[in-house]
Amino acid sequence: MKTYVLATLLIPLLLAGCNTVEGLGKDVESGGEEIQDASEHVKDKM
């Protein structure tokens, strides 16, 4: 019974954590793309 209650409480937290990590990954990817675009812009000016 304790295991069932513990699992019921932890599963939503784990799923929320996955969404957070996914969102963080998208933010990092977006930041990387911005840096890449800026470096290409500077390279074109040289």
N, C-alpha and C. Protein backbone atom coordinates (compact mmCIF):
# COMPACT_ATOMS: atom_id res chain seq x y z
N MET A 1 0.83 -1.20 0.00
CA MET A 1 0.00 0.00 0.00
C MET A 1 0.87 1.26 0.00
N LYS A 2 1.93 1.28 0.82
CA LYS A 2 2.81 2.44 0.86
C LYS A 2 3.48 2.66 -0.49
N THR A 3 3.84 1.59 -1.14
CA THR A 3 4.51 1.70 -2.44
C THR A 3 3.57 2.33 -3.47
N TYR A 4 2.30 1.92 -3.43
CA TYR A 4 1.32 2.46 -4.37
C TYR A 4 1.13 3.97 -4.14
N VAL A 5 1.02 4.37 -2.89
CA VAL A 5 0.84 5.78 -2.56
C VAL A 5 2.09 6.57 -2.97
N LEU A 6 3.26 6.04 -2.69
CA LEU A 6 4.50 6.71 -3.05
C LEU A 6 4.62 6.85 -4.56
N ALA A 7 4.31 5.80 -5.28
CA ALA A 7 4.38 5.85 -6.74
C ALA A 7 3.38 6.86 -7.29
N THR A 8 2.19 6.90 -6.72
CA THR A 8 1.16 7.84 -7.17
C THR A 8 1.61 9.28 -6.97
N LEU A 9 2.36 9.53 -5.92
CA LEU A 9 2.84 10.88 -5.66
C LEU A 9 4.06 11.24 -6.50
N LEU A 10 4.91 10.27 -6.80
CA LEU A 10 6.15 10.55 -7.51
C LEU A 10 6.00 10.62 -9.03
N ILE A 11 5.09 9.87 -9.59
CA ILE A 11 4.95 9.83 -11.05
C ILE A 11 4.67 11.21 -11.64
N PRO A 12 3.74 12.00 -11.10
CA PRO A 12 3.55 13.34 -11.67
C PRO A 12 4.80 14.22 -11.57
N LEU A 13 5.55 14.08 -10.50
CA LEU A 13 6.77 14.85 -10.36
C LEU A 13 7.80 14.46 -11.41
N LEU A 14 7.93 13.18 -11.67
CA LEU A 14 8.87 12.71 -12.68
C LEU A 14 8.46 13.18 -14.07
N LEU A 15 7.17 13.14 -14.36
CA LEU A 15 6.70 13.60 -15.66
C LEU A 15 6.91 15.10 -15.82
N ALA A 16 6.69 15.84 -14.78
CA ALA A 16 6.92 17.29 -14.83
C ALA A 16 8.41 17.57 -15.05
N GLY A 17 9.26 16.78 -14.42
CA GLY A 17 10.70 16.93 -14.59
C GLY A 17 11.12 16.69 -16.03
N CYS A 18 10.50 15.73 -16.69
CA CYS A 18 10.82 15.46 -18.09
C CYS A 18 10.46 16.66 -18.96
N ASN A 19 9.31 17.26 -18.68
CA ASN A 19 8.90 18.43 -19.46
C ASN A 19 9.86 19.59 -19.23
N THR A 20 10.33 19.72 -18.00
CA THR A 20 11.26 20.79 -17.68
C THR A 20 12.58 20.59 -18.42
N VAL A 21 13.08 19.38 -18.42
CA VAL A 21 14.34 19.08 -19.11
C VAL A 21 14.17 19.28 -20.61
N GLU A 22 13.04 18.89 -21.14
CA GLU A 22 12.79 19.08 -22.57
C GLU A 22 12.76 20.57 -22.90
N GLY A 23 12.11 21.35 -22.07
CA GLY A 23 12.07 22.80 -22.29
C GLY A 23 13.44 23.43 -22.20
N LEU A 24 14.24 22.96 -21.24
CA LEU A 24 15.60 23.46 -21.10
C LEU A 24 16.41 23.13 -22.34
N GLY A 25 16.25 21.92 -22.85
CA GLY A 25 16.96 21.52 -24.06
C GLY A 25 16.60 22.40 -25.25
N LYS A 26 15.33 22.75 -25.36
CA LYS A 26 14.90 23.63 -26.46
C LYS A 26 15.50 25.02 -26.29
N ASP A 27 15.56 25.51 -25.06
CA ASP A 27 16.14 26.83 -24.80
C ASP A 27 17.63 26.85 -25.15
N VAL A 28 18.34 25.79 -24.77
CA VAL A 28 19.77 25.71 -25.06
C VAL A 28 19.99 25.62 -26.57
N GLU A 29 19.16 24.84 -27.23
CA GLU A 29 19.27 24.71 -28.68
C GLU A 29 19.03 26.06 -29.36
N SER A 30 18.02 26.77 -28.91
CA SER A 30 17.71 28.08 -29.48
C SER A 30 18.87 29.05 -29.26
N GLY A 31 19.44 29.04 -28.07
CA GLY A 31 20.59 29.89 -27.78
C GLY A 31 21.78 29.56 -28.66
N GLY A 32 22.01 28.28 -28.89
CA GLY A 32 23.10 27.84 -29.75
C GLY A 32 22.90 28.29 -31.18
N GLU A 33 21.66 28.23 -31.65
CA GLU A 33 21.38 28.69 -33.01
C GLU A 33 21.62 30.19 -33.14
N GLU A 34 21.25 30.95 -32.11
CA GLU A 34 21.49 32.40 -32.14
C GLU A 34 22.99 32.71 -32.19
N ILE A 35 23.76 31.98 -31.42
CA ILE A 35 25.22 32.17 -31.42
C ILE A 35 25.79 31.82 -32.79
N GLN A 36 25.32 30.73 -33.36
CA GLN A 36 25.79 30.32 -34.69
C GLN A 36 25.44 31.37 -35.74
N ASP A 37 24.24 31.90 -35.68
CA ASP A 37 23.84 32.94 -36.64
C ASP A 37 24.71 34.19 -36.48
N ALA A 38 24.97 34.58 -35.24
CA ALA A 38 25.79 35.76 -34.99
C ALA A 38 27.21 35.55 -35.49
N SER A 39 27.76 34.35 -35.28
CA SER A 39 29.13 34.10 -35.72
C SER A 39 29.22 34.08 -37.25
N GLU A 40 28.20 33.58 -37.92
CA GLU A 40 28.18 33.60 -39.38
C GLU A 40 28.07 35.03 -39.91
N HIS A 41 27.30 35.84 -39.21
CA HIS A 41 27.17 37.26 -39.60
C HIS A 41 28.51 37.97 -39.48
N VAL A 42 29.24 37.74 -38.40
CA VAL A 42 30.56 38.35 -38.22
C VAL A 42 31.53 37.83 -39.26
N LYS A 43 31.47 36.54 -39.53
CA LYS A 43 32.37 35.93 -40.51
C LYS A 43 32.13 36.52 -41.90
N ASP A 44 30.87 36.80 -42.24
CA ASP A 44 30.55 37.37 -43.55
C ASP A 44 31.10 38.79 -43.69
N LYS A 45 31.22 39.51 -42.59
CA LYS A 45 31.73 40.89 -42.65
C LYS A 45 33.24 40.93 -42.82
N MET A 46 33.92 39.86 -42.57
CA MET A 46 35.39 39.85 -42.66
C MET A 46 35.86 39.69 -44.07
